[in-house]
Amino acid sequence: MDLDGIPAELIPVLKRPEKVDEATAQLRQLKKLVEDGSVTLRIDQKRLTHMDSPVVCDPDSTRWLYGLAVVAALVWWRGGTTYGLVAVAVAGLVYATLARTYVKRRLERRVQQIALSDATIWRKLWRFGGVALVAKHRESAAPCTAPKDNWMTFVQEAVQASGDTRQSA
């Protein structure tokens, strides 16, 4: 199959290579370091669940609220006021313990899977704040905290400390 007289086997060769900027290369290194366990990613749940956060997903918490409200309303309707008030109290405890833990896990997973894979989202997240990087080799030192610290310098130092000086493309 030809494309304007060019044989099909040469078309992949003629494509321009993907242009990778320094931040994207550093983000790939950071993702590798996090996967290897050389760097730990800490999140501030309160900050990252703010409605302006680039990684927030409002349905994570509201589905719990709606579900618990429906259950409490059914108990109130079927059992009366006393059982209804107990159901509301139990729903509040469930939300404060289980739901917040679930939301935090989902948020951590979203940061590791989505933000570390997309340089644009990572930049927005770093400018927004609520993320800190901690190197395993220097846990006693202060973490690299967004947005005040430079995450690219941190990654370069972590790569040098781990002995992996090659840059991944």
C-alpha atoms as a PDB file:
ATOM      1  CA  MET A   1       0.000   0.000   0.000  1.00  0.00           C
ATOM      2  CA  ASP A   2       1.419   3.369  -1.018  1.00  0.00           C
ATOM      3  CA  LEU A   3       0.989   6.834   0.424  1.00  0.00           C
ATOM      4  CA  ASP A   4       1.654   9.304  -2.388  1.00  0.00           C
ATOM      5  CA  GLY A   5       4.114   6.931  -4.000  1.00  0.00           C
ATOM      6  CA  ILE A   6       5.963   6.026  -0.782  1.00  0.00           C
ATOM      7  CA  PRO A   7       6.143   2.293  -0.038  1.00  0.00           C
ATOM      8  CA  ALA A   8       4.273   1.284   3.133  1.00  0.00           C
ATOM      9  CA  GLU A   9       7.348  -0.232   4.789  1.00  0.00           C
ATOM     10  CA  LEU A  10       9.095   3.171   4.741  1.00  0.00           C
ATOM     11  CA  ILE A  11       6.226   5.138   6.306  1.00  0.00           C
ATOM     12  CA  PRO A  12       7.155   4.344   9.937  1.00  0.00           C
ATOM     13  CA  VAL A  13      10.725   5.418   9.164  1.00  0.00           C
ATOM     14  CA  LEU A  14       9.556   8.774   7.821  1.00  0.00           C
ATOM     15  CA  LYS A  15       7.596   9.675  10.948  1.00  0.00           C
ATOM     16  CA  ARG A  16       9.183  12.254  13.162  1.00  0.00           C
ATOM     17  CA  PRO A  17      10.488  10.947  16.461  1.00  0.00           C
ATOM     18  CA  GLU A  18       8.566  11.890  19.572  1.00  0.00           C
ATOM     19  CA  LYS A  19      10.002  15.067  21.013  1.00  0.00           C
ATOM     20  CA  VAL A  20      10.686  14.544  24.704  1.00  0.00           C
ATOM     21  CA  ASP A  21      11.393  17.594  26.812  1.00  0.00           C
ATOM     22  CA  GLU A  22      13.516  17.466  29.934  1.00  0.00           C
ATOM     23  CA  ALA A  23      10.525  17.514  32.289  1.00  0.00           C
ATOM     24  CA  THR A  24       8.953  14.495  30.579  1.00  0.00           C
ATOM     25  CA  ALA A  25      12.232  12.564  30.788  1.00  0.00           C
ATOM     26  CA  GLN A  26      12.575  13.483  34.472  1.00  0.00           C
ATOM     27  CA  LEU A  27       8.969  12.416  35.104  1.00  0.00           C
ATOM     28  CA  ARG A  28       9.717   9.022  33.559  1.00  0.00           C
ATOM     29  CA  GLN A  29      12.708   8.713  35.865  1.00  0.00           C
ATOM     30  CA  LEU A  30      10.538   9.670  38.841  1.00  0.00           C
ATOM     31  CA  LYS A  31       7.923   7.074  37.925  1.00  0.00           C
ATOM     32  CA  LYS A  32      10.649   4.439  37.707  1.00  0.00           C
ATOM     33  CA  LEU A  33      12.059   5.494  41.091  1.00  0.00           C
ATOM     34  CA  VAL A  34       8.605   5.306  42.695  1.00  0.00           C
ATOM     35  CA  GLU A  35       7.993   1.855  41.193  1.00  0.00           C
ATOM     36  CA  ASP A  36      11.420   0.664  42.424  1.00  0.00           C
ATOM     37  CA  GLY A  37      10.735   1.993  45.915  1.00  0.00           C
ATOM     38  CA  SER A  38      13.688   4.397  45.905  1.00  0.00           C
ATOM     39  CA  VAL A  39      11.290   7.335  46.234  1.00  0.00           C
ATOM     40  CA  THR A  40       8.056   7.497  48.200  1.00  0.00           C
ATOM     41  CA  LEU A  41       5.211   9.736  47.140  1.00  0.00           C
ATOM     42  CA  ARG A  42       3.271  11.295  50.022  1.00  0.00           C
ATOM     43  CA  ILE A  43      -0.025  13.061  49.496  1.00  0.00           C
ATOM     44  CA  ASP A  44      -2.023  15.556  51.528  1.00  0.00           C
ATOM     45  CA  GLN A  45      -5.564  14.199  51.284  1.00  0.00           C
ATOM     46  CA  LYS A  46      -7.210  17.402  52.459  1.00  0.00           C
ATOM     47  CA  ARG A  47      -5.373  19.480  49.854  1.00  0.00           C
ATOM     48  CA  LEU A  48      -5.870  17.042  46.971  1.00  0.00           C
ATOM     49  CA  THR A  49      -9.599  16.555  47.583  1.00  0.00           C
ATOM     50  CA  HIS A  50     -10.153  20.280  47.063  1.00  0.00           C
ATOM     51  CA  MET A  51     -12.384  20.945  44.066  1.00  0.00           C
ATOM     52  CA  ASP A  52      -9.572  22.741  42.164  1.00  0.00           C
ATOM     53  CA  SER A  53      -7.142  19.834  42.455  1.00  0.00           C
ATOM     54  CA  PRO A  54      -6.084  18.338  39.102  1.00  0.00           C
ATOM     55  CA  VAL A  55      -6.523  14.791  40.462  1.00  0.00           C
ATOM     56  CA  VAL A  56      -9.768  15.132  42.411  1.00  0.00           C
ATOM     57  CA  CYS A  57     -12.696  12.864  41.561  1.00  0.00           C
ATOM     58  CA  ASP A  58     -15.776  14.081  43.382  1.00  0.00           C
ATOM     59  CA  PRO A  59     -17.798  10.858  42.948  1.00  0.00           C
ATOM     60  CA  ASP A  60     -15.251   8.983  45.091  1.00  0.00           C
ATOM     61  CA  SER A  61     -16.690  10.529  48.248  1.00  0.00           C
ATOM     62  CA  THR A  62     -20.212  11.417  47.146  1.00  0.00           C
ATOM     63  CA  ARG A  63     -21.114   7.836  46.214  1.00  0.00           C
ATOM     64  CA  TRP A  64     -20.436   6.896  49.838  1.00  0.00           C
ATOM     65  CA  LEU A  65     -22.547   9.783  51.110  1.00  0.00           C
ATOM     66  CA  TYR A  66     -25.489   8.944  48.849  1.00  0.00           C
ATOM     67  CA  GLY A  67     -25.335   5.246  49.650  1.00  0.00           C
ATOM     68  CA  LEU A  68     -25.164   5.784  53.387  1.00  0.00           C
ATOM     69  CA  ALA A  69     -27.951   8.399  53.246  1.00  0.00           C
ATOM     70  CA  VAL A  70     -30.235   5.964  51.394  1.00  0.00           C
ATOM     71  CA  VAL A  71     -29.528   3.197  53.913  1.00  0.00           C
ATOM     72  CA  ALA A  72     -30.147   5.552  56.860  1.00  0.00           C
ATOM     73  CA  ALA A  73     -33.389   6.802  55.263  1.00  0.00           C
ATOM     74  CA  LEU A  74     -34.625   3.236  54.725  1.00  0.00           C
ATOM     75  CA  VAL A  75     -33.837   2.329  58.334  1.00  0.00           C
ATOM     76  CA  TRP A  76     -35.611   5.496  59.504  1.00  0.00           C
ATOM     77  CA  TRP A  77     -38.642   4.706  57.363  1.00  0.00           C
ATOM     78  CA  ARG A  78     -38.845   1.039  58.361  1.00  0.00           C
ATOM     79  CA  GLY A  79     -37.692   1.249  61.978  1.00  0.00           C
ATOM     80  CA  GLY A  80     -38.737   4.660  63.197  1.00  0.00           C
ATOM     81  CA  THR A  81     -36.957   7.651  64.655  1.00  0.00           C
ATOM     82  CA  THR A  82     -34.780   5.843  67.207  1.00  0.00           C
ATOM     83  CA  TYR A  83     -33.395   3.350  64.716  1.00  0.00           C
ATOM     84  CA  GLY A  84     -33.086   6.109  62.139  1.00  0.00           C
ATOM     85  CA  LEU A  85     -30.938   8.257  64.409  1.00  0.00           C
ATOM     86  CA  VAL A  86     -28.754   5.258  65.232  1.00  0.00           C
ATOM     87  CA  ALA A  87     -28.415   4.564  61.496  1.00  0.00           C
ATOM     88  CA  VAL A  88     -27.360   8.180  60.866  1.00  0.00           C
ATOM     89  CA  ALA A  89     -24.723   7.917  63.623  1.00  0.00           C
ATOM     90  CA  VAL A  90     -23.429   4.606  62.241  1.00  0.00           C
ATOM     91  CA  ALA A  91     -23.382   6.085  58.727  1.00  0.00           C
ATOM     92  CA  GLY A  92     -21.316   9.007  60.019  1.00  0.00           C
ATOM     93  CA  LEU A  93     -18.817   6.641  61.622  1.00  0.00           C
ATOM     94  CA  VAL A  94     -18.602   4.516  58.487  1.00  0.00           C
ATOM     95  CA  TYR A  95     -17.993   7.578  56.356  1.00  0.00           C
ATOM     96  CA  ALA A  96     -15.384   8.983  58.748  1.00  0.00           C
ATOM     97  CA  THR A  97     -13.421   5.714  58.821  1.00  0.00           C
ATOM     98  CA  LEU A  98     -13.975   3.430  55.834  1.00  0.00           C
ATOM     99  CA  ALA A  99     -14.968   5.974  53.197  1.00  0.00           C
ATOM    100  CA  ARG A 100     -12.086   8.347  53.884  1.00  0.00           C
ATOM    101  CA  THR A 101      -9.616   5.471  53.762  1.00  0.00           C
ATOM    102  CA  TYR A 102     -11.111   4.337  50.448  1.00  0.00           C
ATOM    103  CA  VAL A 103     -10.965   7.882  49.029  1.00  0.00           C
ATOM    104  CA  LYS A 104      -7.329   8.277  50.108  1.00  0.00           C
ATOM    105  CA  ARG A 105      -6.325   4.978  48.471  1.00  0.00           C
ATOM    106  CA  ARG A 106      -8.082   5.959  45.251  1.00  0.00           C
ATOM    107  CA  LEU A 107      -6.394   9.355  45.335  1.00  0.00           C
ATOM    108  CA  GLU A 108      -2.955   7.802  45.838  1.00  0.00           C
ATOM    109  CA  ARG A 109      -3.583   5.366  42.991  1.00  0.00           C
ATOM    110  CA  ARG A 110      -4.751   8.205  40.736  1.00  0.00           C
ATOM    111  CA  VAL A 111      -1.631  10.242  41.476  1.00  0.00           C
ATOM    112  CA  GLN A 112       0.663   7.279  40.797  1.00  0.00           C
ATOM    113  CA  GLN A 113      -1.111   6.023  37.683  1.00  0.00           C
ATOM    114  CA  ILE A 114      -2.323   9.198  36.011  1.00  0.00           C
ATOM    115  CA  ALA A 115      -0.198  12.101  37.229  1.00  0.00           C
ATOM    116  CA  LEU A 116       3.101  10.235  36.930  1.00  0.00           C
ATOM    117  CA  SER A 117       2.200   9.191  33.387  1.00  0.00           C
ATOM    118  CA  ASP A 118       1.227  12.613  32.054  1.00  0.00           C
ATOM    119  CA  ALA A 119       3.647  15.524  32.297  1.00  0.00           C
ATOM    120  CA  THR A 120       0.900  18.127  31.927  1.00  0.00           C
ATOM    121  CA  ILE A 121      -1.127  16.746  34.833  1.00  0.00           C
ATOM    122  CA  TRP A 122       2.035  16.345  36.931  1.00  0.00           C
ATOM    123  CA  ARG A 123       2.989  19.993  36.350  1.00  0.00           C
ATOM    124  CA  LYS A 124      -0.501  21.139  37.331  1.00  0.00           C
ATOM    125  CA  LEU A 125      -0.407  18.910  40.404  1.00  0.00           C
ATOM    126  CA  TRP A 126       3.027  20.170  41.445  1.00  0.00           C
ATOM    127  CA  ARG A 127       1.936  23.807  41.073  1.00  0.00           C
ATOM    128  CA  PHE A 128      -1.245  23.052  43.039  1.00  0.00           C
ATOM    129  CA  GLY A 129       0.596  21.367  45.923  1.00  0.00           C
ATOM    130  CA  GLY A 130      -0.372  18.533  48.220  1.00  0.00           C
ATOM    131  CA  VAL A 131       2.408  16.200  47.058  1.00  0.00           C
ATOM    132  CA  ALA A 132       5.777  15.456  48.638  1.00  0.00           C
ATOM    133  CA  LEU A 133       8.631  13.241  47.485  1.00  0.00           C
ATOM    134  CA  VAL A 134      10.828  11.409  49.979  1.00  0.00           C
ATOM    135  CA  ALA A 135      14.003   9.625  48.908  1.00  0.00           C
ATOM    136  CA  LYS A 136      14.747   6.320  50.582  1.00  0.00           C
ATOM    137  CA  HIS A 137      18.444   7.145  50.812  1.00  0.00           C
ATOM    138  CA  ARG A 138      17.755  10.351  52.770  1.00  0.00           C
ATOM    139  CA  GLU A 139      14.613   9.771  54.800  1.00  0.00           C
ATOM    140  CA  SER A 140      15.968  11.919  57.634  1.00  0.00           C
ATOM    141  CA  ALA A 141      16.186  14.938  55.305  1.00  0.00           C
ATOM    142  CA  ALA A 142      13.227  17.171  54.595  1.00  0.00           C
ATOM    143  CA  PRO A 143      10.949  15.931  51.800  1.00  0.00           C
ATOM    144  CA  CYS A 144      10.714  17.666  48.446  1.00  0.00           C
ATOM    145  CA  THR A 145       7.363  19.417  48.842  1.00  0.00           C
ATOM    146  CA  ALA A 146       5.187  20.905  46.122  1.00  0.00           C
ATOM    147  CA  PRO A 147       5.146  23.665  45.011  1.00  0.00           C
ATOM    148  CA  LYS A 148       8.055  25.243  46.936  1.00  0.00           C
ATOM    149  CA  ASP A 149      10.788  22.715  46.048  1.00  0.00           C
ATOM    150  CA  ASN A 150      12.200  21.710  42.668  1.00  0.00           C
ATOM    151  CA  TRP A 151      11.135  18.148  41.887  1.00  0.00           C
ATOM    152  CA  MET A 152      13.468  17.874  38.873  1.00  0.00           C
ATOM    153  CA  THR A 153      16.551  18.529  41.007  1.00  0.00           C
ATOM    154  CA  PHE A 154      15.248  16.018  43.540  1.00  0.00           C
ATOM    155  CA  VAL A 155      14.897  13.360  40.814  1.00  0.00           C
ATOM    156  CA  GLN A 156      18.410  14.013  39.517  1.00  0.00           C
ATOM    157  CA  GLU A 157      19.830  13.612  43.026  1.00  0.00           C
ATOM    158  CA  ALA A 158      17.770  10.458  43.641  1.00  0.00           C
ATOM    159  CA  VAL A 159      18.932   8.910  40.362  1.00  0.00           C
ATOM    160  CA  GLN A 160      22.563   9.651  41.249  1.00  0.00           C
ATOM    161  CA  ALA A 161      22.115   8.220  44.726  1.00  0.00           C
ATOM    162  CA  SER A 162      20.545   5.039  43.406  1.00  0.00           C
ATOM    163  CA  GLY A 163      23.509   4.524  41.073  1.00  0.00           C
ATOM    164  CA  ASP A 164      21.373   4.659  37.932  1.00  0.00           C
ATOM    165  CA  THR A 165      22.936   7.506  35.934  1.00  0.00           C
ATOM    166  CA  ARG A 166      21.448   6.607  32.582  1.00  0.00           C
ATOM    167  CA  GLN A 167      18.560   8.713  31.307  1.00  0.00           C
ATOM    168  CA  SER A 168      15.517   6.866  30.030  1.00  0.00           C
ATOM    169  CA  ALA A 169      14.007   8.173  26.838  1.00  0.00           C
END
